[in-house]
Amino acid sequence: AGAAAKRVNAALDFVAKHRIAATSTRIDATRPNKRPQSTDAIPASTLVQLPHLHRSRQRRHQRDVLMRKNLMRTHCGMLLFWLILCTARANDITNTCAAAFRLTLKGYVSNGKDPSKVCSPPPATCRRPAGIYHMYCKQCAGYVMGKNVFNPLWPTGNITWIESTTLGHGKTARLLASAQRSRWVTITVLRHPVDRVVAHYFATQMNADLDAWSTKALAKQRRGYDGSTRLWLELENLYTKLFSAHDDRRGPLPPDALERADRQLQGFDRVVIAEWLESPRTIAWLGDVMCF
């Protein structure tokens, strides 16, 4: 009896030490739905087991905490892995299509778009050329072709974009020759000359009178940025000058300029008419050479 009393007193001391209220829930697995009872109503055999039960509960709690930490580390590790992987893919400008990037003062950076959604991989039925050379004439569907056609198909480094610079410019001619040797797609888009000039007016000087603007523009000796082969502001015979390798500093167009321009255009893989871009035949015609 004395030993039993000592065990009861030890259990009561344990309860008091751990601040278990006198009205705490009774630990009795056989009567889980009964209302709480005071420690006075708890059998001595149960009180004796309290230290052991408390240690078991501590061990279970520590084990649960450790498991949650391990799960959290695993989850964070996997999240970090996929984040790094996706970032690497999005920032891989040499392999990811241009549609996943935007140009800033610091160069090309990811635009936050998922490459799997904005890039168009080639189908299994054809082999896409490694790149494209686009001879862009001002106001000839450049935005449509660049953003909607070229960017989803090729990385930025595989798109050569020549903007209203004649083939009389040495680097422009060398890039075209290099693209042809590498079997890149060579393409240009032409628009009705009058429509192109009107679009040029609305894009640049729509606050001025059309006749006054065109007269002033045609009278300029310096057109574009260098007045020689970069003809960004050219209104007169732009297509002929671009493809006949004309240089304004050499004087007016020679008599054979039109024939030379026509021969040069025959060497391009695609000469697209802007007014026909929405035609299903035009789209299929472009898809045959660009593999989409």
C-alpha atoms as a PDB file:
ATOM      1  CA  ALA A   1       0.000   0.000   0.000  1.00  0.00           C
ATOM      2  CA  GLY A   2       2.856   2.362   0.778  1.00  0.00           C
ATOM      3  CA  ALA A   3       4.462   1.745  -2.601  1.00  0.00           C
ATOM      4  CA  ALA A   4       1.150   2.372  -4.354  1.00  0.00           C
ATOM      5  CA  ALA A   5       0.725   5.651  -2.492  1.00  0.00           C
ATOM      6  CA  LYS A   6       4.199   6.729  -3.572  1.00  0.00           C
ATOM      7  CA  ARG A   7       3.366   6.009  -7.179  1.00  0.00           C
ATOM      8  CA  VAL A   8       0.138   8.001  -6.905  1.00  0.00           C
ATOM      9  CA  ASN A   9       1.980  10.943  -5.346  1.00  0.00           C
ATOM     10  CA  ALA A  10       4.609  10.823  -8.064  1.00  0.00           C
ATOM     11  CA  ALA A  11       1.906  10.887 -10.725  1.00  0.00           C
ATOM     12  CA  LEU A  12       0.186  13.817  -9.054  1.00  0.00           C
ATOM     13  CA  ASP A  13       3.495  15.689  -8.868  1.00  0.00           C
ATOM     14  CA  PHE A  14       4.001  15.067 -12.581  1.00  0.00           C
ATOM     15  CA  VAL A  15       0.550  16.436 -13.329  1.00  0.00           C
ATOM     16  CA  ALA A  16       1.183  19.548 -11.273  1.00  0.00           C
ATOM     17  CA  LYS A  17       4.630  20.046 -12.778  1.00  0.00           C
ATOM     18  CA  HIS A  18       3.318  20.076 -16.334  1.00  0.00           C
ATOM     19  CA  ARG A  19       0.419  22.345 -15.425  1.00  0.00           C
ATOM     20  CA  ILE A  20      -2.277  19.875 -16.338  1.00  0.00           C
ATOM     21  CA  ALA A  21      -5.491  21.407 -14.980  1.00  0.00           C
ATOM     22  CA  ALA A  22      -7.455  19.482 -12.428  1.00  0.00           C
ATOM     23  CA  THR A  23     -10.311  19.311 -14.894  1.00  0.00           C
ATOM     24  CA  SER A  24      -8.216  18.047 -17.798  1.00  0.00           C
ATOM     25  CA  THR A  25      -9.567  15.362 -20.085  1.00  0.00           C
ATOM     26  CA  ARG A  26      -9.309  11.890 -18.703  1.00  0.00           C
ATOM     27  CA  ILE A  27      -6.933   9.615 -20.604  1.00  0.00           C
ATOM     28  CA  ASP A  28      -9.116   6.584 -21.017  1.00  0.00           C
ATOM     29  CA  ALA A  29      -9.201   4.854 -24.375  1.00  0.00           C
ATOM     30  CA  THR A  30     -12.139   2.712 -23.310  1.00  0.00           C
ATOM     31  CA  ARG A  31     -14.426   5.723 -22.684  1.00  0.00           C
ATOM     32  CA  PRO A  32     -13.518   8.339 -25.353  1.00  0.00           C
ATOM     33  CA  ASN A  33     -16.960   9.972 -25.505  1.00  0.00           C
ATOM     34  CA  LYS A  34     -17.420  10.596 -21.800  1.00  0.00           C
ATOM     35  CA  ARG A  35     -17.242  14.127 -20.425  1.00  0.00           C
ATOM     36  CA  PRO A  36     -13.970  15.231 -18.772  1.00  0.00           C
ATOM     37  CA  GLN A  37     -13.398  14.244 -15.185  1.00  0.00           C
ATOM     38  CA  SER A  38     -11.131  15.671 -12.538  1.00  0.00           C
ATOM     39  CA  THR A  39      -7.874  13.997 -11.575  1.00  0.00           C
ATOM     40  CA  ASP A  40      -9.531  12.885  -8.330  1.00  0.00           C
ATOM     41  CA  ALA A  41     -11.736  10.552 -10.359  1.00  0.00           C
ATOM     42  CA  ILE A  42      -8.842   9.086 -12.376  1.00  0.00           C
ATOM     43  CA  PRO A  43      -7.804   5.619 -11.216  1.00  0.00           C
ATOM     44  CA  ALA A  44      -4.366   5.328  -9.725  1.00  0.00           C
ATOM     45  CA  SER A  45      -3.331   2.792 -12.401  1.00  0.00           C
ATOM     46  CA  THR A  46      -3.951   5.400 -15.106  1.00  0.00           C
ATOM     47  CA  LEU A  47      -2.132   8.130 -13.201  1.00  0.00           C
ATOM     48  CA  VAL A  48       0.861   5.874 -12.877  1.00  0.00           C
ATOM     49  CA  GLN A  49       0.957   5.548 -16.674  1.00  0.00           C
ATOM     50  CA  LEU A  50       0.882   9.332 -17.277  1.00  0.00           C
ATOM     51  CA  PRO A  51       4.687   9.867 -17.463  1.00  0.00           C
ATOM     52  CA  HIS A  52       4.998   7.049 -19.980  1.00  0.00           C
ATOM     53  CA  LEU A  53       2.067   8.376 -22.025  1.00  0.00           C
ATOM     54  CA  HIS A  54       3.522  11.874 -21.979  1.00  0.00           C
ATOM     55  CA  ARG A  55       6.874  10.634 -23.244  1.00  0.00           C
ATOM     56  CA  SER A  56       5.141   8.682 -26.005  1.00  0.00           C
ATOM     57  CA  ARG A  57       3.200  11.764 -26.991  1.00  0.00           C
ATOM     58  CA  GLN A  58       6.405  13.802 -27.068  1.00  0.00           C
ATOM     59  CA  ARG A  59       8.065  11.213 -29.274  1.00  0.00           C
ATOM     60  CA  ARG A  60       5.099  11.178 -31.661  1.00  0.00           C
ATOM     61  CA  HIS A  61       5.088  14.960 -31.768  1.00  0.00           C
ATOM     62  CA  GLN A  62       8.824  15.100 -32.487  1.00  0.00           C
ATOM     63  CA  ARG A  63       8.434  12.449 -35.185  1.00  0.00           C
ATOM     64  CA  ASP A  64       5.562  14.387 -36.779  1.00  0.00           C
ATOM     65  CA  VAL A  65       7.543  17.628 -36.703  1.00  0.00           C
ATOM     66  CA  LEU A  66      10.539  15.901 -38.287  1.00  0.00           C
ATOM     67  CA  MET A  67       8.370  14.378 -41.019  1.00  0.00           C
ATOM     68  CA  ARG A  68       6.797  17.759 -41.774  1.00  0.00           C
ATOM     69  CA  LYS A  69      10.235  19.351 -42.000  1.00  0.00           C
ATOM     70  CA  ASN A  70      11.446  16.628 -44.346  1.00  0.00           C
ATOM     71  CA  LEU A  71       8.346  16.986 -46.496  1.00  0.00           C
ATOM     72  CA  MET A  72       8.804  20.751 -46.555  1.00  0.00           C
ATOM     73  CA  ARG A  73      12.456  20.394 -47.578  1.00  0.00           C
ATOM     74  CA  THR A  74      11.474  17.943 -50.312  1.00  0.00           C
ATOM     75  CA  HIS A  75       8.672  20.190 -51.532  1.00  0.00           C
ATOM     76  CA  CYS A  76      10.885  23.287 -51.528  1.00  0.00           C
ATOM     77  CA  GLY A  77      13.668  21.380 -53.234  1.00  0.00           C
ATOM     78  CA  MET A  78      11.373  20.169 -55.998  1.00  0.00           C
ATOM     79  CA  LEU A  79       9.862  23.640 -56.367  1.00  0.00           C
ATOM     80  CA  LEU A  80      13.313  25.198 -56.614  1.00  0.00           C
ATOM     81  CA  PHE A  81      14.378  22.550 -59.121  1.00  0.00           C
ATOM     82  CA  TRP A  82      11.446  23.204 -61.427  1.00  0.00           C
ATOM     83  CA  LEU A  83      11.819  26.947 -61.004  1.00  0.00           C
ATOM     84  CA  ILE A  84      15.471  26.797 -62.007  1.00  0.00           C
ATOM     85  CA  LEU A  85      14.688  24.412 -64.852  1.00  0.00           C
ATOM     86  CA  CYS A  86      11.889  26.583 -66.237  1.00  0.00           C
ATOM     87  CA  THR A  87      13.957  29.729 -65.809  1.00  0.00           C
ATOM     88  CA  ALA A  88      16.879  28.123 -67.594  1.00  0.00           C
ATOM     89  CA  ARG A  89      14.621  27.075 -70.430  1.00  0.00           C
ATOM     90  CA  ALA A  90      12.999  30.515 -70.668  1.00  0.00           C
ATOM     91  CA  ASN A  91      16.359  32.274 -70.524  1.00  0.00           C
ATOM     92  CA  ASP A  92      18.029  29.974 -73.040  1.00  0.00           C
ATOM     93  CA  ILE A  93      17.881  32.467 -75.874  1.00  0.00           C
ATOM     94  CA  THR A  94      19.824  30.215 -78.233  1.00  0.00           C
ATOM     95  CA  ASN A  95      17.299  27.365 -78.128  1.00  0.00           C
ATOM     96  CA  THR A  96      13.998  28.953 -77.064  1.00  0.00           C
ATOM     97  CA  CYS A  97      11.874  30.754 -79.640  1.00  0.00           C
ATOM     98  CA  ALA A  98      11.870  34.546 -79.764  1.00  0.00           C
ATOM     99  CA  ALA A  99       8.222  34.703 -78.674  1.00  0.00           C
ATOM    100  CA  ALA A 100       9.337  33.961 -75.083  1.00  0.00           C
ATOM    101  CA  PHE A 101      11.529  37.086 -74.881  1.00  0.00           C
ATOM    102  CA  ARG A 102      11.330  40.852 -75.093  1.00  0.00           C
ATOM    103  CA  LEU A 103      14.017  43.325 -76.001  1.00  0.00           C
ATOM    104  CA  THR A 104      15.220  45.779 -73.335  1.00  0.00           C
ATOM    105  CA  LEU A 105      18.154  48.143 -72.981  1.00  0.00           C
ATOM    106  CA  LYS A 106      20.000  45.275 -71.290  1.00  0.00           C
ATOM    107  CA  GLY A 107      19.297  42.875 -74.126  1.00  0.00           C
ATOM    108  CA  TYR A 108      16.736  40.121 -74.454  1.00  0.00           C
ATOM    109  CA  VAL A 109      15.011  39.010 -71.246  1.00  0.00           C
ATOM    110  CA  SER A 110      12.210  36.559 -70.586  1.00  0.00           C
ATOM    111  CA  ASN A 111       8.750  38.061 -71.011  1.00  0.00           C
ATOM    112  CA  GLY A 112       7.253  35.641 -68.504  1.00  0.00           C
ATOM    113  CA  LYS A 113       5.400  33.576 -71.092  1.00  0.00           C
ATOM    114  CA  ASP A 114       5.577  29.804 -71.021  1.00  0.00           C
ATOM    115  CA  PRO A 115       7.711  28.658 -74.000  1.00  0.00           C
ATOM    116  CA  SER A 116       5.584  25.529 -74.325  1.00  0.00           C
ATOM    117  CA  LYS A 117       2.583  27.741 -75.072  1.00  0.00           C
ATOM    118  CA  VAL A 118       4.103  30.476 -77.271  1.00  0.00           C
ATOM    119  CA  CYS A 119       6.652  28.437 -79.243  1.00  0.00           C
ATOM    120  CA  SER A 120       5.650  26.213 -82.140  1.00  0.00           C
ATOM    121  CA  PRO A 121       7.830  23.105 -82.493  1.00  0.00           C
ATOM    122  CA  PRO A 122       8.117  21.640 -85.984  1.00  0.00           C
ATOM    123  CA  PRO A 123       5.797  18.766 -86.831  1.00  0.00           C
ATOM    124  CA  ALA A 124       7.202  15.317 -87.449  1.00  0.00           C
ATOM    125  CA  THR A 125       6.247  15.489 -91.111  1.00  0.00           C
ATOM    126  CA  CYS A 126       8.864  18.069 -92.113  1.00  0.00           C
ATOM    127  CA  ARG A 127      12.203  19.558 -91.154  1.00  0.00           C
ATOM    128  CA  ARG A 128      12.294  23.250 -90.326  1.00  0.00           C
ATOM    129  CA  PRO A 129      15.175  25.337 -91.733  1.00  0.00           C
ATOM    130  CA  ALA A 130      17.638  26.579 -89.143  1.00  0.00           C
ATOM    131  CA  GLY A 131      16.718  30.252 -89.534  1.00  0.00           C
ATOM    132  CA  ILE A 132      15.123  32.981 -91.608  1.00  0.00           C
ATOM    133  CA  TYR A 133      16.296  36.107 -93.456  1.00  0.00           C
ATOM    134  CA  HIS A 134      13.586  38.771 -93.785  1.00  0.00           C
ATOM    135  CA  MET A 135      14.058  41.767 -96.063  1.00  0.00           C
ATOM    136  CA  TYR A 136      11.581  44.139 -94.456  1.00  0.00           C
ATOM    137  CA  CYS A 137      10.111  47.033 -96.403  1.00  0.00           C
ATOM    138  CA  LYS A 138       8.626  49.759 -94.193  1.00  0.00           C
ATOM    139  CA  GLN A 139       4.868  49.461 -93.623  1.00  0.00           C
ATOM    140  CA  CYS A 140       4.685  46.019 -95.251  1.00  0.00           C
ATOM    141  CA  ALA A 141       3.217  43.782 -92.514  1.00  0.00           C
ATOM    142  CA  GLY A 142       6.438  43.687 -90.510  1.00  0.00           C
ATOM    143  CA  TYR A 143       4.727  43.476 -87.117  1.00  0.00           C
ATOM    144  CA  VAL A 144       2.401  40.700 -88.284  1.00  0.00           C
ATOM    145  CA  MET A 145       5.184  38.637 -89.821  1.00  0.00           C
ATOM    146  CA  GLY A 146       7.658  39.134 -86.995  1.00  0.00           C
ATOM    147  CA  LYS A 147       5.412  38.589 -83.985  1.00  0.00           C
ATOM    148  CA  ASN A 148       2.920  36.100 -85.371  1.00  0.00           C
ATOM    149  CA  VAL A 149       5.043  34.069 -87.786  1.00  0.00           C
ATOM    150  CA  PHE A 150       8.804  34.266 -87.163  1.00  0.00           C
ATOM    151  CA  ASN A 151       9.004  34.638 -83.366  1.00  0.00           C
ATOM    152  CA  PRO A 152       7.120  31.420 -82.488  1.00  0.00           C
ATOM    153  CA  LEU A 153       9.248  29.406 -84.926  1.00  0.00           C
ATOM    154  CA  TRP A 154      12.884  30.452 -84.340  1.00  0.00           C
ATOM    155  CA  PRO A 155      15.193  31.732 -81.594  1.00  0.00           C
ATOM    156  CA  THR A 156      16.155  35.383 -81.780  1.00  0.00           C
ATOM    157  CA  GLY A 157      19.640  34.593 -83.033  1.00  0.00           C
ATOM    158  CA  ASN A 158      18.224  32.676 -85.984  1.00  0.00           C
ATOM    159  CA  ILE A 159      16.114  35.561 -87.289  1.00  0.00           C
ATOM    160  CA  THR A 160      17.925  38.054 -89.525  1.00  0.00           C
ATOM    161  CA  TRP A 161      15.795  41.158 -89.885  1.00  0.00           C
ATOM    162  CA  ILE A 162      16.892  43.720 -92.482  1.00  0.00           C
ATOM    163  CA  GLU A 163      14.805  46.897 -92.264  1.00  0.00           C
ATOM    164  CA  SER A 164      14.600  49.070 -95.376  1.00  0.00           C
ATOM    165  CA  THR A 165      18.301  48.770 -96.151  1.00  0.00           C
ATOM    166  CA  THR A 166      19.252  48.103 -99.749  1.00  0.00           C
ATOM    167  CA  LEU A 167      21.406  45.220-100.888  1.00  0.00           C
ATOM    168  CA  GLY A 168      23.961  47.849-101.834  1.00  0.00           C
ATOM    169  CA  HIS A 169      24.875  47.849 -98.153  1.00  0.00           C
ATOM    170  CA  GLY A 170      27.787  45.452 -97.750  1.00  0.00           C
ATOM    171  CA  LYS A 171      26.708  43.737 -94.538  1.00  0.00           C
ATOM    172  CA  THR A 172      23.127  43.328 -95.773  1.00  0.00           C
ATOM    173  CA  ALA A 173      24.322  41.598 -98.946  1.00  0.00           C
ATOM    174  CA  ARG A 174      26.725  39.368 -96.975  1.00  0.00           C
ATOM    175  CA  LEU A 175      23.985  38.306 -94.568  1.00  0.00           C
ATOM    176  CA  LEU A 176      21.737  37.378 -97.486  1.00  0.00           C
ATOM    177  CA  ALA A 177      24.502  35.321 -99.109  1.00  0.00           C
ATOM    178  CA  SER A 178      25.223  33.605 -95.780  1.00  0.00           C
ATOM    179  CA  ALA A 179      21.537  32.779 -95.263  1.00  0.00           C
ATOM    180  CA  GLN A 180      21.300  31.281 -98.741  1.00  0.00           C
ATOM    181  CA  ARG A 181      24.407  29.155 -98.173  1.00  0.00           C
ATOM    182  CA  SER A 182      23.004  27.901 -94.865  1.00  0.00           C
ATOM    183  CA  ARG A 183      19.669  27.154 -96.536  1.00  0.00           C
ATOM    184  CA  TRP A 184      17.788  29.564 -94.308  1.00  0.00           C
ATOM    185  CA  VAL A 185      14.398  30.751 -95.504  1.00  0.00           C
ATOM    186  CA  THR A 186      14.703  34.051 -97.407  1.00  0.00           C
ATOM    187  CA  ILE A 187      11.532  36.088 -97.520  1.00  0.00           C
ATOM    188  CA  THR A 188      10.150  39.558 -98.141  1.00  0.00           C
ATOM    189  CA  VAL A 189       6.662  41.088 -98.122  1.00  0.00           C
ATOM    190  CA  LEU A 190       5.506  43.629-100.695  1.00  0.00           C
ATOM    191  CA  ARG A 191       2.491  45.904-100.470  1.00  0.00           C
ATOM    192  CA  HIS A 192       0.697  48.027-103.044  1.00  0.00           C
ATOM    193  CA  PRO A 193       3.028  51.063-103.417  1.00  0.00           C
ATOM    194  CA  VAL A 194       0.264  53.645-102.917  1.00  0.00           C
ATOM    195  CA  ASP A 195      -1.109  51.860 -99.850  1.00  0.00           C
ATOM    196  CA  ARG A 196       2.407  51.650 -98.432  1.00  0.00           C
ATOM    197  CA  VAL A 197       2.983  55.400 -98.812  1.00  0.00           C
ATOM    198  CA  VAL A 198      -0.394  56.195 -97.225  1.00  0.00           C
ATOM    199  CA  ALA A 199       0.409  53.878 -94.315  1.00  0.00           C
ATOM    200  CA  HIS A 200       3.800  55.563 -93.973  1.00  0.00           C
ATOM    201  CA  TYR A 201       2.040  58.918 -93.730  1.00  0.00           C
ATOM    202  CA  PHE A 202      -0.361  57.771 -91.005  1.00  0.00           C
ATOM    203  CA  ALA A 203       2.480  56.124 -89.087  1.00  0.00           C
ATOM    204  CA  THR A 204       4.769  59.169 -89.087  1.00  0.00           C
ATOM    205  CA  GLN A 205       3.230  62.511 -90.074  1.00  0.00           C
ATOM    206  CA  MET A 206      -0.552  62.230 -89.918  1.00  0.00           C
ATOM    207  CA  ASN A 207      -0.814  65.708 -88.393  1.00  0.00           C
ATOM    208  CA  ALA A 208       0.441  67.292 -91.629  1.00  0.00           C
ATOM    209  CA  ASP A 209      -1.217  67.657 -95.007  1.00  0.00           C
ATOM    210  CA  LEU A 210      -0.545  64.561 -97.165  1.00  0.00           C
ATOM    211  CA  ASP A 211       0.456  66.538-100.265  1.00  0.00           C
ATOM    212  CA  ALA A 212       2.728  68.867 -98.306  1.00  0.00           C
ATOM    213  CA  TRP A 213       4.295  65.949 -96.439  1.00  0.00           C
ATOM    214  CA  SER A 214       4.983  63.900 -99.589  1.00  0.00           C
ATOM    215  CA  THR A 215       6.397  66.928-101.450  1.00  0.00           C
ATOM    216  CA  LYS A 216       8.744  67.718 -98.582  1.00  0.00           C
ATOM    217  CA  ALA A 217       9.787  64.069 -98.194  1.00  0.00           C
ATOM    218  CA  LEU A 218      10.528  63.635-101.899  1.00  0.00           C
ATOM    219  CA  ALA A 219      12.555  66.823-101.990  1.00  0.00           C
ATOM    220  CA  LYS A 220      14.918  65.656 -99.251  1.00  0.00           C
ATOM    221  CA  GLN A 221      18.432  64.835-100.360  1.00  0.00           C
ATOM    222  CA  ARG A 222      19.003  62.904 -97.160  1.00  0.00           C
ATOM    223  CA  ARG A 223      16.493  60.072 -96.665  1.00  0.00           C
ATOM    224  CA  GLY A 224      16.483  57.621 -93.811  1.00  0.00           C
ATOM    225  CA  TYR A 225      19.507  57.578 -91.560  1.00  0.00           C
ATOM    226  CA  ASP A 226      22.414  57.813 -93.964  1.00  0.00           C
ATOM    227  CA  GLY A 227      20.921  58.953 -97.259  1.00  0.00           C
ATOM    228  CA  SER A 228      22.747  56.150 -98.995  1.00  0.00           C
ATOM    229  CA  THR A 229      21.532  52.581 -98.480  1.00  0.00           C
ATOM    230  CA  ARG A 230      19.367  52.875 -95.351  1.00  0.00           C
ATOM    231  CA  LEU A 231      16.135  54.221 -96.801  1.00  0.00           C
ATOM    232  CA  TRP A 232      13.771  54.178 -93.849  1.00  0.00           C
ATOM    233  CA  LEU A 233      11.993  57.350 -95.000  1.00  0.00           C
ATOM    234  CA  GLU A 234      12.036  56.579 -98.706  1.00  0.00           C
ATOM    235  CA  LEU A 235       8.837  57.214-100.687  1.00  0.00           C
ATOM    236  CA  GLU A 236      10.079  56.954-104.254  1.00  0.00           C
ATOM    237  CA  ASN A 237      10.711  53.541-105.880  1.00  0.00           C
ATOM    238  CA  LEU A 238      11.519  51.901-102.559  1.00  0.00           C
ATOM    239  CA  TYR A 239      11.213  48.294-103.750  1.00  0.00           C
ATOM    240  CA  THR A 240      13.369  48.846-106.804  1.00  0.00           C
ATOM    241  CA  LYS A 241      16.045  50.592-104.784  1.00  0.00           C
ATOM    242  CA  LEU A 242      16.135  47.944-102.089  1.00  0.00           C
ATOM    243  CA  PHE A 243      16.465  44.909-104.322  1.00  0.00           C
ATOM    244  CA  SER A 244      18.590  46.414-107.090  1.00  0.00           C
ATOM    245  CA  ALA A 245      21.328  47.229-104.537  1.00  0.00           C
ATOM    246  CA  HIS A 246      20.923  50.956-105.139  1.00  0.00           C
ATOM    247  CA  ASP A 247      22.988  53.579-103.364  1.00  0.00           C
ATOM    248  CA  ASP A 248      21.492  57.081-103.419  1.00  0.00           C
ATOM    249  CA  ARG A 249      24.926  58.681-103.271  1.00  0.00           C
ATOM    250  CA  ARG A 250      25.713  57.261-106.664  1.00  0.00           C
ATOM    251  CA  GLY A 251      22.937  59.239-108.286  1.00  0.00           C
ATOM    252  CA  PRO A 252      19.508  58.323-109.725  1.00  0.00           C
ATOM    253  CA  LEU A 253      18.360  54.816-110.531  1.00  0.00           C
ATOM    254  CA  PRO A 254      20.088  53.287-113.578  1.00  0.00           C
ATOM    255  CA  PRO A 255      17.931  52.126-116.532  1.00  0.00           C
ATOM    256  CA  ASP A 256      18.305  48.439-115.613  1.00  0.00           C
ATOM    257  CA  ALA A 257      17.434  48.856-111.934  1.00  0.00           C
ATOM    258  CA  LEU A 258      13.974  47.304-112.298  1.00  0.00           C
ATOM    259  CA  GLU A 259      15.331  44.204-114.057  1.00  0.00           C
ATOM    260  CA  ARG A 260      18.065  43.797-111.442  1.00  0.00           C
ATOM    261  CA  ALA A 261      15.520  44.036-108.637  1.00  0.00           C
ATOM    262  CA  ASP A 262      13.316  41.443-110.356  1.00  0.00           C
ATOM    263  CA  ARG A 263      16.211  39.004-110.720  1.00  0.00           C
ATOM    264  CA  GLN A 264      17.113  39.436-107.064  1.00  0.00           C
ATOM    265  CA  LEU A 265      13.537  38.752-105.953  1.00  0.00           C
ATOM    266  CA  GLN A 266      13.514  35.525-107.951  1.00  0.00           C
ATOM    267  CA  GLY A 267      16.239  34.217-105.642  1.00  0.00           C
ATOM    268  CA  PHE A 268      14.040  34.613-102.523  1.00  0.00           C
ATOM    269  CA  ASP A 269      12.182  31.560-101.237  1.00  0.00           C
ATOM    270  CA  ARG A 270       9.020  33.559-100.681  1.00  0.00           C
ATOM    271  CA  VAL A 271       7.857  36.956-101.979  1.00  0.00           C
ATOM    272  CA  VAL A 272       4.599  37.528-100.138  1.00  0.00           C
ATOM    273  CA  ILE A 273       1.877  39.997-101.070  1.00  0.00           C
ATOM    274  CA  ALA A 274       0.694  41.754 -97.914  1.00  0.00           C
ATOM    275  CA  GLU A 275      -2.903  41.988 -99.084  1.00  0.00           C
ATOM    276  CA  TRP A 276      -3.034  38.189 -99.423  1.00  0.00           C
ATOM    277  CA  LEU A 277      -1.599  37.281 -96.029  1.00  0.00           C
ATOM    278  CA  GLU A 278      -4.921  36.082 -94.631  1.00  0.00           C
ATOM    279  CA  SER A 279      -5.541  33.762 -97.555  1.00  0.00           C
ATOM    280  CA  PRO A 280      -5.460  30.062 -96.579  1.00  0.00           C
ATOM    281  CA  ARG A 281      -3.378  29.371 -99.661  1.00  0.00           C
ATOM    282  CA  THR A 282      -0.783  31.944 -98.576  1.00  0.00           C
ATOM    283  CA  ILE A 283      -0.633  30.421 -95.080  1.00  0.00           C
ATOM    284  CA  ALA A 284      -0.213  26.920 -96.488  1.00  0.00           C
ATOM    285  CA  TRP A 285       2.393  28.217 -98.956  1.00  0.00           C
ATOM    286  CA  LEU A 286       4.391  29.712 -96.063  1.00  0.00           C
ATOM    287  CA  GLY A 287       3.945  26.575 -93.964  1.00  0.00           C
ATOM    288  CA  ASP A 288       5.496  24.461 -96.727  1.00  0.00           C
ATOM    289  CA  VAL A 289       8.797  26.309 -96.519  1.00  0.00           C
ATOM    290  CA  MET A 290       8.782  27.166 -92.774  1.00  0.00           C
ATOM    291  CA  CYS A 291       7.524  23.772 -91.595  1.00  0.00           C
ATOM    292  CA  PHE A 292       4.482  24.646 -89.503  1.00  0.00           C
END
